Amino acid sequence: MAMKQFPKIYSIFEQAFHRSLAQLSPESCVKRILQLSEDKSSLIVRDKLYPLQNSSIHVIAVGKAGVSMVKGVEEVLGEKIVGVIASVPFGSPHINSKINFFPGAENNLPDQMASETAKKIENYVSKLDKNDLVLFLISGK
């Protein structure tokens, strides 16, 4: 009798496992932390309010979870995002996005392409206005 119940029990545990993984994905984590105020005039990061009047939102993402984090940010902020640069490892999945994805760091080791992307990020950020808001999303060690 116990063996007949095993597939049902296994299925319940498998579903719980997949739901847990979905909640822990970088995309889900970003979506839980970020939100726009109801009138869309402020960004709320956890419990801190950032007024958006006279400011633009820019996103810099780096690391293995860069693509997933960017998906979460785009879903929450959408058209409020003015520009984005994402430094992601070679082989990262491609998504339909207005984000500039730059692959590099093959085998998680610094390389010429990752160095060039770091310079692009530095150049991009150096041109921002003091009122601009930058979300810097980092994954990895």
Foldseek 3Di string as FASTA:
>chain_A
DVVVCVVVVVVVVVVVVVVVVVCPQLLNVLLVQWAAPPVNQWIGGNHDTHGCVPAAEEEEEEEASRVSNVNNCCVHCPPSHDAYEYEHAPPRDDDPDPYHYFHACYVVHHDPSSVVSVVVVVVVVVPGDPSYHYHYHYDDD
